[in-house]
Amino acid sequence: MSASALPPMMSRAMAFAALLLAGMCPVGAAPAVSLANPNTGTQIVFLGTAGGPLLRADRSEPSTLLIVDGRGYLIDCGIGTMRRMVEAGIKSQQVRTIFFTHLHADHDLGLADVMANDFFHARPAGTENVDIYGPPQTRELVDAAFHFITVGFRPFAAENPSGFRIVNGQFTNLFVAHEFKRDGVVFRDDKIRVTAVENSHYALMPAPQRKELKSYSFRIETPHGVIVFTGDTGRSDAVVRLARGADVLVAEASSRDAADLERLIKSVTAQMHWSAERGKKFRAHFQFEHLDTDSIGALATKAQVKSVMLYHYDPEDEADQAAYVSGVKKHFSGPVFAPDDLDRYCIDAGTVARCPAQRGHSPH
């Protein structure tokens, strides 16, 4: 029977299987966007803007793609990252450097999807490795994710071993983990320099665990401007110093104000059937280890940054989204952006604006 005579569903399934066996897994229907293009400049692409670990239908978990002169750098990798990359028309194999601010589940569970989608794709000689930078236990995360994805590839390799990099019967792991456990410059190349400082996201953690488990904020210097990613943090003098004079502050906004926090605590406590004691600890976590809009505005003003972008937030609708912006504006006079997933912003000479032909919220 010819392929054209097969039922449509079976024909599509056979075509997809053929691609897999040929080592050419498709990444989706969106037209691919080449990061290696002649256009210069820096872009911030919001792949995931929601906090977790509970999932939302309309927003993916935290993940941001920084594109500098056509080169991609991924910051955090929550659930939904790969799907958003597909929707944005960005191929996973175009991203060779990934950074983790910390290893909470809502910031790292999407790594396996990115690695899996990337696994088939060949790269030019000398550019095969994907470098993954993060705090202690990043190596454990990368190794576990690699083992996880290879379980599903073994049947394909059994039928077509030439389609995979296999040495002595083992898949070659091209994902290389780099751990750091200190403040200071943790990465540099010819496009960017990344400086990390430990923030206060683990402030309530017992001292023995805090010696080993680290949460960082990043300052990323590009030829076109300086971007600071708070990651998850509470109020922190170290983050203020890190952000001093930055062109863009990408800040987590876990709540708008005290009333909003109380609503969140009551909702989650009831939904999860938590005890009053656990609800009390949950409240302390948000009070001391996260930022609300008042804290973001104060941080931005104290650090004298030029503009603020919010993420790791959960607005209910556009009016609620505007309320987040208003909360920051009570203490900060510069532009404040409230992105949705897939919004893309361009930085030119330190000024940030929506990229041409891209949707997104105007500053307020």
Protein backbone atom coordinates (compact mmCIF):
# COMPACT_ATOMS: atom_id res chain seq x y z
CA MET A 1 0.00 0.00 0.00
CA SER A 2 1.37 3.43 -0.90
CA ALA A 3 1.71 6.19 1.67
CA SER A 4 -0.99 8.15 -0.14
CA ALA A 5 -3.40 5.26 0.31
CA LEU A 6 -2.95 5.12 4.08
CA PRO A 7 -5.45 6.78 6.41
CA PRO A 8 -4.35 10.40 7.13
CA MET A 9 -3.62 9.75 10.82
CA MET A 10 -1.45 6.71 10.03
CA SER A 11 0.32 8.54 7.21
CA ARG A 12 1.23 11.45 9.53
CA ALA A 13 2.40 9.04 12.23
CA MET A 14 4.66 7.20 9.77
CA ALA A 15 6.10 10.48 8.50
CA PHE A 16 6.85 11.63 12.05
CA ALA A 17 8.48 8.28 12.87
CA ALA A 18 10.62 8.56 9.75
CA LEU A 19 11.83 11.98 10.85
CA LEU A 20 12.71 10.62 14.29
CA LEU A 21 14.65 7.72 12.85
CA ALA A 22 16.45 10.08 10.49
CA GLY A 23 17.52 12.24 13.41
CA MET A 24 15.49 15.27 12.32
CA CYS A 25 12.83 15.75 14.96
CA PRO A 26 10.70 18.79 14.00
CA VAL A 27 10.35 21.51 16.60
CA GLY A 28 6.95 22.77 15.52
CA ALA A 29 4.97 24.56 12.88
CA ALA A 30 6.15 28.09 13.64
CA PRO A 31 8.66 29.51 11.16
CA ALA A 32 12.15 29.23 12.57
CA VAL A 33 13.85 32.44 13.66
CA SER A 34 17.58 32.36 13.04
CA LEU A 35 19.45 33.87 15.96
CA ALA A 36 22.57 34.07 13.83
CA ASN A 37 21.34 36.94 11.69
CA PRO A 38 22.96 40.20 10.59
CA ASN A 39 20.77 42.23 12.92
CA THR A 40 22.61 43.59 15.91
CA GLY A 41 21.16 44.54 19.26
CA THR A 42 19.84 42.92 22.40
CA GLN A 43 16.39 41.42 22.80
CA ILE A 44 14.58 40.06 25.86
CA VAL A 45 12.06 37.35 24.97
CA PHE A 46 9.72 36.33 27.79
CA LEU A 47 9.07 32.61 27.38
CA GLY A 48 7.45 32.15 30.79
CA THR A 49 6.19 34.87 33.14
CA ALA A 50 4.21 33.01 35.84
CA GLY A 51 5.30 31.95 39.28
CA GLY A 52 4.89 28.33 40.33
CA PRO A 53 4.98 25.54 41.15
CA LEU A 54 1.22 25.32 40.43
CA LEU A 55 0.68 25.59 36.68
CA ARG A 56 -1.48 28.10 34.81
CA ALA A 57 -3.29 27.75 31.52
CA ASP A 58 -2.25 31.14 30.13
CA ARG A 59 1.33 31.54 31.37
CA SER A 60 4.34 29.26 31.48
CA GLU A 61 6.77 29.12 34.38
CA PRO A 62 9.78 31.46 34.58
CA SER A 63 12.08 31.45 31.57
CA THR A 64 13.63 34.30 29.63
CA LEU A 65 15.69 34.26 26.44
CA LEU A 66 18.30 36.98 26.01
CA ILE A 67 19.43 37.42 22.40
CA VAL A 68 22.61 39.47 21.97
CA ASP A 69 23.75 40.17 18.41
CA GLY A 70 21.99 37.01 17.29
CA ARG A 71 23.31 34.76 20.08
CA GLY A 72 20.84 33.23 22.53
CA TYR A 73 21.21 32.85 26.29
CA LEU A 74 18.46 31.18 28.34
CA ILE A 75 17.84 32.31 31.92
CA ASP A 76 15.90 29.71 33.94
CA CYS A 77 13.87 26.95 32.42
CA GLY A 78 10.46 26.36 34.01
CA ILE A 79 7.76 24.05 32.68
CA GLY A 80 6.58 25.28 29.29
CA THR A 81 9.91 26.73 28.14
CA MET A 82 10.32 24.48 25.09
CA ARG A 83 6.72 24.93 23.99
CA ARG A 84 7.13 28.70 24.14
CA MET A 85 10.36 28.48 22.15
CA VAL A 86 8.49 26.54 19.48
CA GLU A 87 5.74 29.17 19.45
CA ALA A 88 8.36 31.91 19.16
CA GLY A 89 9.97 30.13 16.21
CA ILE A 90 13.26 29.66 18.06
CA LYS A 91 15.09 26.35 17.67
CA SER A 92 16.51 24.83 20.82
CA GLN A 93 19.79 23.99 19.08
CA GLN A 94 20.37 27.72 18.57
CA VAL A 95 20.77 28.16 22.34
CA ARG A 96 24.10 26.92 23.64
CA THR A 97 24.24 28.66 27.04
CA ILE A 98 21.72 28.29 29.89
CA PHE A 99 21.79 29.94 33.32
CA PHE A 100 19.86 29.00 36.46
CA THR A 101 19.25 31.59 39.17
CA HIS A 102 18.29 28.79 41.59
CA LEU A 103 16.94 25.27 41.48
CA HIS A 104 13.35 25.55 42.65
CA ALA A 105 11.05 23.32 40.62
CA ASP A 106 9.26 26.16 38.82
CA HIS A 107 12.61 27.38 37.47
CA ASP A 108 14.23 24.12 36.36
CA LEU A 109 11.72 21.36 35.50
CA GLY A 110 11.52 22.48 31.86
CA LEU A 111 15.19 21.70 31.26
CA ALA A 112 14.54 18.09 30.26
CA ASP A 113 12.16 19.22 27.50
CA VAL A 114 14.74 21.61 26.07
CA MET A 115 17.44 18.93 26.22
CA ALA A 116 15.17 16.34 24.62
CA ASN A 117 14.19 18.61 21.75
CA ASP A 118 17.84 19.48 21.27
CA PHE A 119 19.16 15.92 21.40
CA PHE A 120 18.73 14.98 17.73
CA HIS A 121 20.13 18.10 16.16
CA ALA A 122 23.63 18.12 14.74
CA ARG A 123 25.89 21.13 15.20
CA PRO A 124 29.01 22.28 13.37
CA ALA A 125 32.21 20.74 14.68
CA GLY A 126 33.45 22.48 17.80
CA THR A 127 30.03 23.84 18.79
CA GLU A 128 28.36 20.64 19.99
CA ASN A 129 28.28 21.31 23.73
CA VAL A 130 25.50 23.13 25.55
CA ASP A 131 26.90 24.84 28.65
CA ILE A 132 24.60 25.06 31.67
CA TYR A 133 25.58 27.36 34.57
CA GLY A 134 24.01 27.36 38.00
CA PRO A 135 24.38 26.95 41.75
CA PRO A 136 25.41 23.73 43.54
CA GLN A 137 23.44 20.67 42.37
CA THR A 138 23.23 21.94 38.79
CA ARG A 139 25.40 19.01 37.72
CA GLU A 140 23.04 16.59 39.44
CA LEU A 141 20.07 18.24 37.70
CA VAL A 142 21.70 18.05 34.25
CA ASP A 143 22.83 14.45 34.67
CA ALA A 144 19.39 13.38 35.91
CA ALA A 145 17.66 15.18 33.02
CA PHE A 146 20.00 13.56 30.51
CA HIS A 147 19.36 10.09 31.94
CA PHE A 148 15.62 10.79 31.88
CA ILE A 149 15.51 11.80 28.22
CA THR A 150 17.75 8.96 26.99
CA VAL A 151 15.35 6.31 28.32
CA GLY A 152 12.89 7.40 25.65
CA PHE A 153 15.53 7.50 22.91
CA ARG A 154 16.91 3.96 23.40
CA PRO A 155 14.23 2.31 21.22
CA PHE A 156 15.01 4.75 18.39
CA ALA A 157 18.74 4.13 18.77
CA ALA A 158 18.18 0.37 18.71
CA GLU A 159 16.70 0.69 15.20
CA ASN A 160 19.02 3.44 13.96
CA PRO A 161 22.20 3.72 16.05
CA SER A 162 23.89 5.83 13.36
CA GLY A 163 21.45 8.64 14.13
CA PHE A 164 22.92 9.14 17.61
CA ARG A 165 26.26 9.89 19.22
CA ILE A 166 27.00 6.61 20.98
CA VAL A 167 30.37 5.67 22.49
CA ASN A 168 30.93 2.26 24.11
CA GLY A 169 27.20 1.66 24.09
CA GLN A 170 26.38 4.93 25.87
CA PHE A 171 24.80 8.11 24.56
CA THR A 172 27.26 11.01 24.51
CA ASN A 173 26.19 13.74 26.90
CA LEU A 174 26.85 17.09 25.25
CA PHE A 175 25.17 19.05 28.06
CA VAL A 176 27.95 20.33 30.31
CA ALA A 177 27.17 21.63 33.80
CA HIS A 178 29.20 24.41 35.43
CA GLU A 179 28.51 25.09 39.11
CA PHE A 180 29.36 28.21 41.06
CA LYS A 181 29.09 28.90 44.76
CA ARG A 182 30.30 32.46 45.09
CA ASP A 183 29.50 36.03 44.22
CA GLY A 184 31.29 37.60 41.28
CA VAL A 185 31.73 37.07 37.55
CA VAL A 186 30.50 33.58 36.66
CA PHE A 187 30.57 33.81 32.86
CA ARG A 188 31.94 35.93 30.06
CA ASP A 189 32.34 35.62 26.33
CA ASP A 190 32.70 38.09 23.47
CA LYS A 191 29.05 39.22 23.85
CA ILE A 192 28.15 39.31 27.55
CA ARG A 193 29.50 39.32 31.09
CA VAL A 194 27.44 37.76 33.88
CA THR A 195 27.92 38.73 37.53
CA ALA A 196 26.06 36.85 40.27
CA VAL A 197 25.24 37.75 43.87
CA GLU A 198 23.50 35.58 46.41
CA ASN A 199 20.11 37.04 47.25
CA SER A 200 17.67 36.52 50.13
CA HIS A 201 15.35 33.92 48.59
CA TYR A 202 16.64 31.27 51.00
CA ALA A 203 16.78 33.60 54.01
CA LEU A 204 14.54 31.39 56.16
CA MET A 205 16.31 28.15 55.25
CA PRO A 206 18.17 26.40 58.10
CA ALA A 207 21.84 27.41 58.19
CA PRO A 208 23.32 23.99 57.25
CA GLN A 209 21.19 23.76 54.10
CA ARG A 210 21.81 27.39 53.17
CA LYS A 211 25.54 26.69 53.06
CA GLU A 212 24.89 24.27 50.21
CA LEU A 213 21.75 25.56 48.48
CA LYS A 214 22.17 28.92 46.77
CA SER A 215 19.88 31.42 45.04
CA TYR A 216 21.39 34.13 42.85
CA SER A 217 20.52 37.33 41.03
CA PHE A 218 22.35 38.10 37.76
CA ARG A 219 23.70 41.29 36.22
CA ILE A 220 24.24 40.77 32.49
CA GLU A 221 26.27 43.38 30.63
CA THR A 222 25.77 43.52 26.85
CA PRO A 223 27.07 45.94 24.22
CA HIS A 224 23.63 47.57 24.13
CA GLY A 225 22.67 47.80 27.79
CA VAL A 226 22.77 46.21 31.23
CA ILE A 227 19.99 43.85 32.34
CA VAL A 228 19.58 42.64 35.92
CA PHE A 229 17.49 39.55 36.67
CA THR A 230 16.44 39.40 40.30
CA GLY A 231 15.45 35.75 40.06
CA ASP A 232 13.43 34.94 43.16
CA THR A 233 14.46 37.09 46.10
CA GLY A 234 13.23 39.09 49.02
CA ARG A 235 14.54 42.53 49.87
CA SER A 236 18.31 42.49 49.58
CA ASP A 237 21.02 45.15 49.81
CA ALA A 238 23.22 42.89 47.68
CA VAL A 239 20.66 43.00 44.87
CA VAL A 240 20.42 46.80 45.15
CA ARG A 241 24.19 47.04 44.70
CA LEU A 242 24.10 44.57 41.80
CA ALA A 243 21.37 46.55 40.02
CA ARG A 244 23.01 49.96 40.45
CA GLY A 245 22.53 51.99 37.27
CA ALA A 246 21.16 49.08 35.21
CA ASP A 247 19.17 49.87 32.09
CA VAL A 248 16.58 47.16 32.78
CA LEU A 249 15.54 45.47 36.02
CA VAL A 250 13.66 42.22 35.37
CA ALA A 251 11.99 41.71 38.73
CA GLU A 252 9.89 38.93 40.19
CA ALA A 253 6.55 40.19 41.50
CA SER A 254 5.00 37.50 43.64
CA SER A 255 2.27 39.76 45.02
CA ARG A 256 0.98 43.30 44.66
CA ASP A 257 0.57 44.26 48.29
CA ALA A 258 -0.31 42.92 51.76
CA ALA A 259 -3.99 42.47 50.92
CA ASP A 260 -3.13 40.56 47.75
CA LEU A 261 -0.75 38.34 49.74
CA GLU A 262 -3.45 37.53 52.27
CA ARG A 263 -5.82 36.51 49.48
CA LEU A 264 -3.12 34.29 48.02
CA ILE A 265 -2.39 32.64 51.37
CA LYS A 266 -6.05 31.94 52.08
CA SER A 267 -6.63 30.55 48.60
CA VAL A 268 -3.61 28.23 48.58
CA THR A 269 -4.10 27.11 52.19
CA ALA A 270 -7.70 26.13 51.45
CA GLN A 271 -6.87 24.50 48.13
CA MET A 272 -4.02 22.44 49.58
CA HIS A 273 -5.80 21.72 52.89
CA TRP A 274 -2.85 23.06 54.84
CA SER A 275 -2.75 23.51 58.60
CA ALA A 276 -2.63 26.96 60.14
CA GLU A 277 1.04 26.40 61.00
CA ARG A 278 1.94 25.61 57.41
CA GLY A 279 -0.04 28.63 56.25
CA LYS A 280 2.01 30.76 58.65
CA LYS A 281 5.26 29.49 57.12
CA PHE A 282 3.87 30.12 53.65
CA ARG A 283 3.12 33.73 54.62
CA ALA A 284 6.67 34.21 55.97
CA HIS A 285 8.10 32.80 52.76
CA PHE A 286 6.36 35.47 50.70
CA GLN A 287 7.01 38.27 53.19
CA PHE A 288 10.75 37.71 53.48
CA GLU A 289 11.81 35.66 50.45
CA HIS A 290 9.84 37.30 47.62
CA LEU A 291 9.13 40.81 46.32
CA ASP A 292 5.84 42.68 46.16
CA THR A 293 5.34 45.73 43.96
CA ASP A 294 6.19 48.20 46.74
CA SER A 295 9.52 46.45 47.27
CA ILE A 296 10.24 46.41 43.54
CA GLY A 297 9.57 50.13 43.22
CA ALA A 298 11.79 50.89 46.20
CA LEU A 299 14.56 48.66 44.83
CA ALA A 300 14.40 50.26 41.38
CA THR A 301 14.57 53.79 42.81
CA LYS A 302 17.35 53.02 45.26
CA ALA A 303 19.42 51.32 42.55
CA GLN A 304 18.64 54.11 40.07
CA VAL A 305 17.71 51.73 37.26
CA LYS A 306 16.18 53.13 34.08
CA SER A 307 13.23 50.76 33.62
CA VAL A 308 11.47 47.78 35.21
CA MET A 309 9.99 44.62 33.72
CA LEU A 310 7.83 42.30 35.79
CA TYR A 311 7.70 38.52 35.67
CA HIS A 312 7.05 35.58 38.03
CA TYR A 313 3.63 37.11 38.60
CA ASP A 314 0.04 35.94 38.24
CA PRO A 315 -2.33 38.74 37.19
CA GLU A 316 -5.95 37.66 36.83
CA ASP A 317 -6.72 39.97 33.91
CA GLU A 318 -5.53 43.16 32.21
CA ALA A 319 -6.88 45.34 35.01
CA ASP A 320 -4.96 43.29 37.54
CA GLN A 321 -1.88 43.52 35.33
CA ALA A 322 -2.21 47.31 35.38
CA ALA A 323 -2.48 47.18 39.18
CA TYR A 324 0.92 45.49 39.37
CA VAL A 325 2.37 48.32 37.29
CA SER A 326 0.68 50.95 39.46
CA GLY A 327 2.10 49.34 42.58
CA VAL A 328 5.64 49.70 41.28
CA LYS A 329 4.96 53.24 40.05
CA LYS A 330 4.10 54.39 43.57
CA HIS A 331 7.82 54.33 44.30
CA PHE A 332 9.48 54.43 40.87
CA SER A 333 9.09 57.09 38.19
CA GLY A 334 10.59 55.28 35.21
CA PRO A 335 8.91 53.02 32.62
CA VAL A 336 7.36 49.81 33.97
CA PHE A 337 6.48 46.94 31.64
CA ALA A 338 4.12 44.06 32.44
CA PRO A 339 4.92 41.34 29.87
CA ASP A 340 2.91 38.34 28.78
CA ASP A 341 4.48 35.12 27.58
CA LEU A 342 6.14 35.58 24.17
CA ASP A 343 6.42 39.36 24.50
CA ARG A 344 9.70 40.59 23.06
CA TYR A 345 11.57 43.80 23.90
CA CYS A 346 14.57 45.43 22.25
CA ILE A 347 17.36 47.37 23.95
CA ASP A 348 19.27 50.03 22.04
CA ALA A 349 21.78 52.30 23.74
CA GLY A 350 20.22 51.49 27.10
CA THR A 351 16.64 52.30 26.02
CA VAL A 352 14.07 49.51 26.08
CA ALA A 353 10.94 49.27 23.92
CA ARG A 354 8.78 46.67 22.26
CA CYS A 355 10.54 45.14 19.30
CA PRO A 356 9.02 46.12 15.94
CA ALA A 357 6.14 43.90 14.81
CA GLN A 358 5.95 42.26 18.23
CA ARG A 359 3.00 42.32 20.55
CA GLY A 360 3.46 43.49 24.12
CA HIS A 361 2.31 45.90 26.77
CA SER A 362 3.37 49.50 26.51
CA PRO A 363 5.12 51.02 29.50
CA HIS A 364 3.04 52.90 32.04
